[in-house]
Amino acid sequence: MASSQVEPDLTTSELIEVRRSNVHGLGVFAAQRIPKGTRIIEYVGERVSHDEADRRYEEKDANDSHTFLFIVDSKTVIDAGVDGNDARFFNHSCDPNCESTVAKRRVYIEALRDIEAGAELTYDYQIQREDDDPDNIDDVFACRCGFPQCRGTMLWPTERKAKRKKPKKKAGTNAKTKAKTQAKTKAKTKAKTKSAKTATTATRKKTKTAARNKRTALKKKSKRGGRSR
């Protein structure tokens, strides 16, 4: 009877070391020469649902671009902030020497080319844009990797979708229509004046909701696998 193949344990790796980086905070560096195609380390942490990942980062600072979350698929997110390993310290680069891959719902970091000892290891986070991203999302996730090919953002795609402009209404020329419009405006003004307190309360609620939506858009930003197998 043929024995089943045992997957190698890549939760730790002698190929790398973690130290201060010129790109950002801590980084991962080659402890020895790494040939192209080498599977370097597995990205591990607690596996949670997308809803749980969102809940955990509910109060995350809206201007904090740091994330240990990695999307595996539509159901699972790896939170390397809990039981994570050295893989969480790989920095983003627009000209990476590594890539993230997903195989059998497990995430790995692999070498895209031959890497010399001492070189910092990076991969493209490919943090996905969302329709509800706040206006300053590009500032929050700005990239400063320093490479000539830097696209200026960790987000993907690089450019955000242009917001659709509402079509302008044609001005009415009919006197009757004009009179109706004036009457409606008068009624609206009267209603607004009458319910000023209610309007103020609604505005406060809207402001709080907008702030909460901004946090939600940022907290669910996660790294994604560049290639599946």
C-alpha atoms as a PDB file:
ATOM      1  CA  MET A   1       0.000   0.000   0.000  1.00  0.00           C
ATOM      2  CA  ALA A   2       1.469   3.342  -1.082  1.00  0.00           C
ATOM      3  CA  SER A   3       2.025   5.825   1.734  1.00  0.00           C
ATOM      4  CA  SER A   4       0.455   9.271   1.358  1.00  0.00           C
ATOM      5  CA  GLN A   5       2.840  12.142   0.703  1.00  0.00           C
ATOM      6  CA  VAL A   6       3.440  14.294   3.767  1.00  0.00           C
ATOM      7  CA  GLU A   7       3.423  18.040   3.179  1.00  0.00           C
ATOM      8  CA  PRO A   8       6.647  19.702   4.448  1.00  0.00           C
ATOM      9  CA  ASP A   9       6.287  21.988   7.461  1.00  0.00           C
ATOM     10  CA  LEU A  10       6.895  25.500   6.199  1.00  0.00           C
ATOM     11  CA  THR A  11       5.546  27.382   9.205  1.00  0.00           C
ATOM     12  CA  THR A  12       9.192  28.232   9.945  1.00  0.00           C
ATOM     13  CA  SER A  13      12.057  28.708   7.506  1.00  0.00           C
ATOM     14  CA  GLU A  14      15.857  28.772   7.796  1.00  0.00           C
ATOM     15  CA  LEU A  15      15.981  30.672   4.525  1.00  0.00           C
ATOM     16  CA  ILE A  16      14.903  33.962   6.090  1.00  0.00           C
ATOM     17  CA  GLU A  17      15.459  36.306   9.008  1.00  0.00           C
ATOM     18  CA  VAL A  18      13.395  39.225  10.320  1.00  0.00           C
ATOM     19  CA  ARG A  19      14.979  42.614  11.014  1.00  0.00           C
ATOM     20  CA  ARG A  20      14.464  46.348  10.545  1.00  0.00           C
ATOM     21  CA  SER A  21      13.565  47.401   7.012  1.00  0.00           C
ATOM     22  CA  ASN A  22      14.129  50.611   5.053  1.00  0.00           C
ATOM     23  CA  VAL A  23      10.772  50.021   3.367  1.00  0.00           C
ATOM     24  CA  HIS A  24       8.621  49.846   6.512  1.00  0.00           C
ATOM     25  CA  GLY A  25       9.059  48.671  10.120  1.00  0.00           C
ATOM     26  CA  LEU A  26      10.236  45.076  10.245  1.00  0.00           C
ATOM     27  CA  GLY A  27      11.005  43.177   7.061  1.00  0.00           C
ATOM     28  CA  VAL A  28      12.041  39.697   5.927  1.00  0.00           C
ATOM     29  CA  PHE A  29      15.529  39.145   4.477  1.00  0.00           C
ATOM     30  CA  ALA A  30      17.229  36.220   2.751  1.00  0.00           C
ATOM     31  CA  ALA A  31      19.535  34.420   5.189  1.00  0.00           C
ATOM     32  CA  GLN A  32      21.093  32.604   2.225  1.00  0.00           C
ATOM     33  CA  ARG A  33      20.763  32.484  -1.536  1.00  0.00           C
ATOM     34  CA  ILE A  34      17.211  31.468  -2.546  1.00  0.00           C
ATOM     35  CA  PRO A  35      16.699  29.973  -6.041  1.00  0.00           C
ATOM     36  CA  LYS A  36      13.783  31.013  -8.235  1.00  0.00           C
ATOM     37  CA  GLY A  37      10.626  28.973  -7.574  1.00  0.00           C
ATOM     38  CA  THR A  38      11.511  28.111  -3.978  1.00  0.00           C
ATOM     39  CA  ARG A  39       8.517  27.841  -1.666  1.00  0.00           C
ATOM     40  CA  ILE A  40       9.886  29.876   1.227  1.00  0.00           C
ATOM     41  CA  ILE A  41       7.297  29.891   4.000  1.00  0.00           C
ATOM     42  CA  GLU A  42       3.604  29.376   4.689  1.00  0.00           C
ATOM     43  CA  TYR A  43       1.474  32.335   5.785  1.00  0.00           C
ATOM     44  CA  VAL A  44      -0.225  31.153   8.961  1.00  0.00           C
ATOM     45  CA  GLY A  45      -2.467  32.529  11.689  1.00  0.00           C
ATOM     46  CA  GLU A  46      -5.943  31.961  13.021  1.00  0.00           C
ATOM     47  CA  ARG A  47      -8.464  31.105  10.305  1.00  0.00           C
ATOM     48  CA  VAL A  48     -11.668  33.089  10.704  1.00  0.00           C
ATOM     49  CA  SER A  49     -14.711  34.104   8.673  1.00  0.00           C
ATOM     50  CA  HIS A  50     -14.874  37.452   6.880  1.00  0.00           C
ATOM     51  CA  ASP A  51     -17.483  38.656   9.380  1.00  0.00           C
ATOM     52  CA  GLU A  52     -15.221  37.761  12.303  1.00  0.00           C
ATOM     53  CA  ALA A  53     -12.258  39.492  10.661  1.00  0.00           C
ATOM     54  CA  ASP A  54     -14.400  42.624  10.253  1.00  0.00           C
ATOM     55  CA  ARG A  55     -15.562  42.431  13.876  1.00  0.00           C
ATOM     56  CA  ARG A  56     -12.014  42.168  15.207  1.00  0.00           C
ATOM     57  CA  TYR A  57     -10.902  45.319  13.465  1.00  0.00           C
ATOM     58  CA  GLU A  58     -14.065  47.340  14.111  1.00  0.00           C
ATOM     59  CA  GLU A  59     -12.179  50.039  16.000  1.00  0.00           C
ATOM     60  CA  LYS A  60      -9.108  50.103  13.773  1.00  0.00           C
ATOM     61  CA  ASP A  61      -7.647  53.574  13.197  1.00  0.00           C
ATOM     62  CA  ALA A  62      -9.024  54.842   9.882  1.00  0.00           C
ATOM     63  CA  ASN A  63      -5.534  56.020   8.855  1.00  0.00           C
ATOM     64  CA  ASP A  64      -3.721  52.775   9.704  1.00  0.00           C
ATOM     65  CA  SER A  65      -2.675  50.816   6.591  1.00  0.00           C
ATOM     66  CA  HIS A  66      -1.075  47.975   8.556  1.00  0.00           C
ATOM     67  CA  THR A  67      -2.830  44.641   8.048  1.00  0.00           C
ATOM     68  CA  PHE A  68      -2.088  41.036   9.031  1.00  0.00           C
ATOM     69  CA  LEU A  69      -5.246  39.761   7.335  1.00  0.00           C
ATOM     70  CA  PHE A  70      -4.887  37.543   4.272  1.00  0.00           C
ATOM     71  CA  ILE A  71      -7.905  36.441   2.219  1.00  0.00           C
ATOM     72  CA  VAL A  72      -7.823  32.720   1.386  1.00  0.00           C
ATOM     73  CA  ASP A  73     -11.202  32.503  -0.347  1.00  0.00           C
ATOM     74  CA  SER A  74     -14.777  33.783  -0.089  1.00  0.00           C
ATOM     75  CA  LYS A  75     -15.223  32.073   3.282  1.00  0.00           C
ATOM     76  CA  THR A  76     -11.867  32.263   5.037  1.00  0.00           C
ATOM     77  CA  VAL A  77      -9.431  34.934   6.171  1.00  0.00           C
ATOM     78  CA  ILE A  78      -6.109  34.269   7.913  1.00  0.00           C
ATOM     79  CA  ASP A  79      -5.482  36.629  10.835  1.00  0.00           C
ATOM     80  CA  ALA A  80      -1.706  36.490  11.339  1.00  0.00           C
ATOM     81  CA  GLY A  81      -2.105  38.834  14.285  1.00  0.00           C
ATOM     82  CA  VAL A  82      -3.117  35.682  16.191  1.00  0.00           C
ATOM     83  CA  ASP A  83      -0.636  32.763  16.148  1.00  0.00           C
ATOM     84  CA  GLY A  84       1.109  34.220  13.107  1.00  0.00           C
ATOM     85  CA  ASN A  85       4.676  33.509  11.993  1.00  0.00           C
ATOM     86  CA  ASP A  86       7.479  35.411  10.222  1.00  0.00           C
ATOM     87  CA  ALA A  87       5.479  35.468   6.967  1.00  0.00           C
ATOM     88  CA  ARG A  88       3.444  38.376   8.325  1.00  0.00           C
ATOM     89  CA  PHE A  89       6.533  40.620   8.192  1.00  0.00           C
ATOM     90  CA  PHE A  90       6.992  40.480   4.404  1.00  0.00           C
ATOM     91  CA  ASN A  91       6.651  44.035   3.121  1.00  0.00           C
ATOM     92  CA  HIS A  92       4.768  45.090   0.005  1.00  0.00           C
ATOM     93  CA  SER A  93       6.594  46.089  -3.163  1.00  0.00           C
ATOM     94  CA  CYS A  94       5.479  47.111  -6.646  1.00  0.00           C
ATOM     95  CA  ASP A  95       8.582  45.330  -7.995  1.00  0.00           C
ATOM     96  CA  PRO A  96       8.544  42.195  -5.808  1.00  0.00           C
ATOM     97  CA  ASN A  97      10.999  39.289  -5.808  1.00  0.00           C
ATOM     98  CA  CYS A  98       8.369  36.956  -4.319  1.00  0.00           C
ATOM     99  CA  GLU A  99       4.691  36.173  -4.803  1.00  0.00           C
ATOM    100  CA  SER A 100       1.902  34.779  -2.665  1.00  0.00           C
ATOM    101  CA  THR A 101       0.180  31.614  -3.849  1.00  0.00           C
ATOM    102  CA  VAL A 102      -2.833  29.665  -2.609  1.00  0.00           C
ATOM    103  CA  ALA A 103      -2.741  25.856  -2.785  1.00  0.00           C
ATOM    104  CA  LYS A 104      -5.342  23.619  -1.132  1.00  0.00           C
ATOM    105  CA  ARG A 105      -6.597  26.643   0.827  1.00  0.00           C
ATOM    106  CA  ARG A 106      -3.141  27.272   2.275  1.00  0.00           C
ATOM    107  CA  VAL A 107      -1.090  30.386   1.524  1.00  0.00           C
ATOM    108  CA  TYR A 108       2.612  30.315   0.656  1.00  0.00           C
ATOM    109  CA  ILE A 109       5.292  32.840  -0.264  1.00  0.00           C
ATOM    110  CA  GLU A 110       7.470  31.757  -3.204  1.00  0.00           C
ATOM    111  CA  ALA A 111      10.527  33.242  -4.932  1.00  0.00           C
ATOM    112  CA  LEU A 112       9.832  34.862  -8.317  1.00  0.00           C
ATOM    113  CA  ARG A 113      13.528  34.965  -9.187  1.00  0.00           C
ATOM    114  CA  ASP A 114      16.929  34.075  -7.744  1.00  0.00           C
ATOM    115  CA  ILE A 115      17.435  36.076  -4.540  1.00  0.00           C
ATOM    116  CA  GLU A 116      20.855  36.788  -3.089  1.00  0.00           C
ATOM    117  CA  ALA A 117      21.634  36.549   0.637  1.00  0.00           C
ATOM    118  CA  GLY A 118      20.860  39.791   2.474  1.00  0.00           C
ATOM    119  CA  ALA A 119      18.198  40.999   0.035  1.00  0.00           C
ATOM    120  CA  GLU A 120      14.816  41.977   1.436  1.00  0.00           C
ATOM    121  CA  LEU A 121      11.954  39.715   0.370  1.00  0.00           C
ATOM    122  CA  THR A 122       8.744  41.383  -0.771  1.00  0.00           C
ATOM    123  CA  TYR A 123       5.538  40.591  -2.612  1.00  0.00           C
ATOM    124  CA  ASP A 124       2.627  42.574  -4.058  1.00  0.00           C
ATOM    125  CA  TYR A 125      -0.182  42.758  -1.469  1.00  0.00           C
ATOM    126  CA  GLN A 126      -2.784  43.452  -4.177  1.00  0.00           C
ATOM    127  CA  ILE A 127      -5.189  44.968  -1.652  1.00  0.00           C
ATOM    128  CA  GLN A 128      -8.487  45.181  -3.519  1.00  0.00           C
ATOM    129  CA  ARG A 129     -10.391  48.403  -4.007  1.00  0.00           C
ATOM    130  CA  GLU A 130     -14.007  48.483  -2.828  1.00  0.00           C
ATOM    131  CA  ASP A 131     -16.948  50.612  -3.942  1.00  0.00           C
ATOM    132  CA  ASP A 132     -17.316  52.065  -0.432  1.00  0.00           C
ATOM    133  CA  ASP A 133     -13.666  53.130  -0.056  1.00  0.00           C
ATOM    134  CA  PRO A 134     -13.287  56.595   1.546  1.00  0.00           C
ATOM    135  CA  ASP A 135     -11.897  59.447  -0.554  1.00  0.00           C
ATOM    136  CA  ASN A 136      -8.467  59.334   1.124  1.00  0.00           C
ATOM    137  CA  ILE A 137      -7.968  55.584   0.575  1.00  0.00           C
ATOM    138  CA  ASP A 138      -4.975  56.158  -1.727  1.00  0.00           C
ATOM    139  CA  ASP A 139      -3.263  58.254   0.953  1.00  0.00           C
ATOM    140  CA  VAL A 140      -3.852  55.599   3.618  1.00  0.00           C
ATOM    141  CA  PHE A 141      -2.495  52.770   1.431  1.00  0.00           C
ATOM    142  CA  ALA A 142       0.219  54.784  -0.330  1.00  0.00           C
ATOM    143  CA  CYS A 143       3.271  52.748  -1.354  1.00  0.00           C
ATOM    144  CA  ARG A 144       6.781  54.016  -0.676  1.00  0.00           C
ATOM    145  CA  CYS A 145       8.763  50.959  -1.715  1.00  0.00           C
ATOM    146  CA  GLY A 146      11.262  53.198  -3.510  1.00  0.00           C
ATOM    147  CA  PHE A 147      11.495  51.140  -6.702  1.00  0.00           C
ATOM    148  CA  PRO A 148      11.468  52.951 -10.076  1.00  0.00           C
ATOM    149  CA  GLN A 149       8.412  50.845 -10.989  1.00  0.00           C
ATOM    150  CA  CYS A 150       6.482  51.925  -7.871  1.00  0.00           C
ATOM    151  CA  ARG A 151       2.834  52.575  -8.765  1.00  0.00           C
ATOM    152  CA  GLY A 152       2.330  54.720  -5.658  1.00  0.00           C
ATOM    153  CA  THR A 153      -0.290  52.513  -4.003  1.00  0.00           C
ATOM    154  CA  MET A 154      -0.677  49.071  -2.449  1.00  0.00           C
ATOM    155  CA  LEU A 155      -4.213  48.946  -3.866  1.00  0.00           C
ATOM    156  CA  TRP A 156      -5.320  47.043  -6.939  1.00  0.00           C
ATOM    157  CA  PRO A 157      -6.350  48.001  -9.544  1.00  0.00           C
ATOM    158  CA  THR A 158      -4.090  51.047  -9.485  1.00  0.00           C
ATOM    159  CA  GLU A 159      -6.735  53.573 -10.543  1.00  0.00           C
ATOM    160  CA  ARG A 160     -10.023  53.953  -8.698  1.00  0.00           C
ATOM    161  CA  LYS A 161     -13.254  53.860 -10.660  1.00  0.00           C
ATOM    162  CA  ALA A 162     -14.621  57.250 -11.614  1.00  0.00           C
ATOM    163  CA  LYS A 163     -17.835  58.039  -9.791  1.00  0.00           C
ATOM    164  CA  ARG A 164     -20.838  58.382 -12.065  1.00  0.00           C
ATOM    165  CA  LYS A 165     -22.182  61.888 -12.346  1.00  0.00           C
ATOM    166  CA  LYS A 166     -25.908  62.351 -12.007  1.00  0.00           C
ATOM    167  CA  PRO A 167     -27.415  63.667 -15.253  1.00  0.00           C
ATOM    168  CA  LYS A 168     -28.528  67.280 -15.083  1.00  0.00           C
ATOM    169  CA  LYS A 169     -32.258  67.854 -15.323  1.00  0.00           C
ATOM    170  CA  LYS A 170     -33.427  70.006 -18.189  1.00  0.00           C
ATOM    171  CA  ALA A 171     -34.838  73.312 -17.127  1.00  0.00           C
ATOM    172  CA  GLY A 172     -38.630  73.492 -17.549  1.00  0.00           C
ATOM    173  CA  THR A 173     -40.003  76.226 -19.763  1.00  0.00           C
ATOM    174  CA  ASN A 174     -43.668  75.738 -18.941  1.00  0.00           C
ATOM    175  CA  ALA A 175     -45.021  78.381 -16.553  1.00  0.00           C
ATOM    176  CA  LYS A 176     -47.250  75.809 -14.856  1.00  0.00           C
ATOM    177  CA  THR A 177     -44.266  73.559 -14.154  1.00  0.00           C
ATOM    178  CA  LYS A 178     -42.348  76.532 -12.800  1.00  0.00           C
ATOM    179  CA  ALA A 179     -45.187  77.398 -10.450  1.00  0.00           C
ATOM    180  CA  LYS A 180     -45.364  73.812  -9.163  1.00  0.00           C
ATOM    181  CA  THR A 181     -41.620  73.800  -8.567  1.00  0.00           C
ATOM    182  CA  GLN A 182     -41.817  77.047  -6.600  1.00  0.00           C
ATOM    183  CA  ALA A 183     -44.692  75.673  -4.515  1.00  0.00           C
ATOM    184  CA  LYS A 184     -42.759  72.495  -3.729  1.00  0.00           C
ATOM    185  CA  THR A 185     -39.689  74.525  -2.761  1.00  0.00           C
ATOM    186  CA  LYS A 186     -41.823  76.669  -0.466  1.00  0.00           C
ATOM    187  CA  ALA A 187     -43.341  73.603   1.175  1.00  0.00           C
ATOM    188  CA  LYS A 188     -39.926  71.975   1.638  1.00  0.00           C
ATOM    189  CA  THR A 189     -38.503  75.145   3.205  1.00  0.00           C
ATOM    190  CA  LYS A 190     -41.430  75.326   5.599  1.00  0.00           C
ATOM    191  CA  ALA A 191     -41.054  71.658   6.537  1.00  0.00           C
ATOM    192  CA  LYS A 192     -37.315  72.051   7.109  1.00  0.00           C
ATOM    193  CA  THR A 193     -37.846  75.052   9.384  1.00  0.00           C
ATOM    194  CA  LYS A 194     -40.550  73.215  11.309  1.00  0.00           C
ATOM    195  CA  SER A 195     -38.377  70.136  11.900  1.00  0.00           C
ATOM    196  CA  ALA A 196     -34.963  71.740  12.473  1.00  0.00           C
ATOM    197  CA  LYS A 197     -34.322  69.682  15.598  1.00  0.00           C
ATOM    198  CA  THR A 198     -35.140  66.418  13.795  1.00  0.00           C
ATOM    199  CA  ALA A 199     -32.908  67.392  10.878  1.00  0.00           C
ATOM    200  CA  THR A 200     -29.999  68.113  13.228  1.00  0.00           C
ATOM    201  CA  THR A 201     -30.399  64.712  14.882  1.00  0.00           C
ATOM    202  CA  ALA A 202     -30.537  62.996  11.489  1.00  0.00           C
ATOM    203  CA  THR A 203     -27.365  64.808  10.397  1.00  0.00           C
ATOM    204  CA  ARG A 204     -25.538  63.627  13.506  1.00  0.00           C
ATOM    205  CA  LYS A 205     -26.648  60.058  12.845  1.00  0.00           C
ATOM    206  CA  LYS A 206     -25.523  60.345   9.219  1.00  0.00           C
ATOM    207  CA  THR A 207     -22.109  61.644  10.290  1.00  0.00           C
ATOM    208  CA  LYS A 208     -21.656  58.761  12.737  1.00  0.00           C
ATOM    209  CA  THR A 209     -22.761  56.270  10.061  1.00  0.00           C
ATOM    210  CA  ALA A 210     -20.306  57.738   7.545  1.00  0.00           C
ATOM    211  CA  ALA A 211     -17.458  57.441  10.047  1.00  0.00           C
ATOM    212  CA  ARG A 212     -18.440  53.844  10.828  1.00  0.00           C
ATOM    213  CA  ASN A 213     -18.616  53.015   7.112  1.00  0.00           C
ATOM    214  CA  LYS A 214     -15.151  54.506   6.633  1.00  0.00           C
ATOM    215  CA  ARG A 215     -13.744  52.269   9.391  1.00  0.00           C
ATOM    216  CA  THR A 216     -15.521  49.278   7.853  1.00  0.00           C
ATOM    217  CA  ALA A 217     -14.032  49.946   4.424  1.00  0.00           C
ATOM    218  CA  LEU A 218     -10.543  50.113   5.915  1.00  0.00           C
ATOM    219  CA  LYS A 219     -10.719  47.284   8.427  1.00  0.00           C
ATOM    220  CA  LYS A 220     -11.625  44.680   5.821  1.00  0.00           C
ATOM    221  CA  LYS A 221      -8.619  45.513   3.646  1.00  0.00           C
ATOM    222  CA  SER A 222      -6.634  42.309   3.338  1.00  0.00           C
ATOM    223  CA  LYS A 223      -3.735  40.869   1.439  1.00  0.00           C
ATOM    224  CA  ARG A 224      -4.705  38.487  -1.349  1.00  0.00           C
ATOM    225  CA  GLY A 225      -3.075  35.518  -3.014  1.00  0.00           C
ATOM    226  CA  GLY A 226      -1.580  36.438  -6.363  1.00  0.00           C
ATOM    227  CA  ARG A 227      -1.933  32.941  -7.843  1.00  0.00           C
ATOM    228  CA  SER A 228      -3.957  29.831  -7.101  1.00  0.00           C
ATOM    229  CA  ARG A 229      -2.909  26.235  -7.689  1.00  0.00           C
END
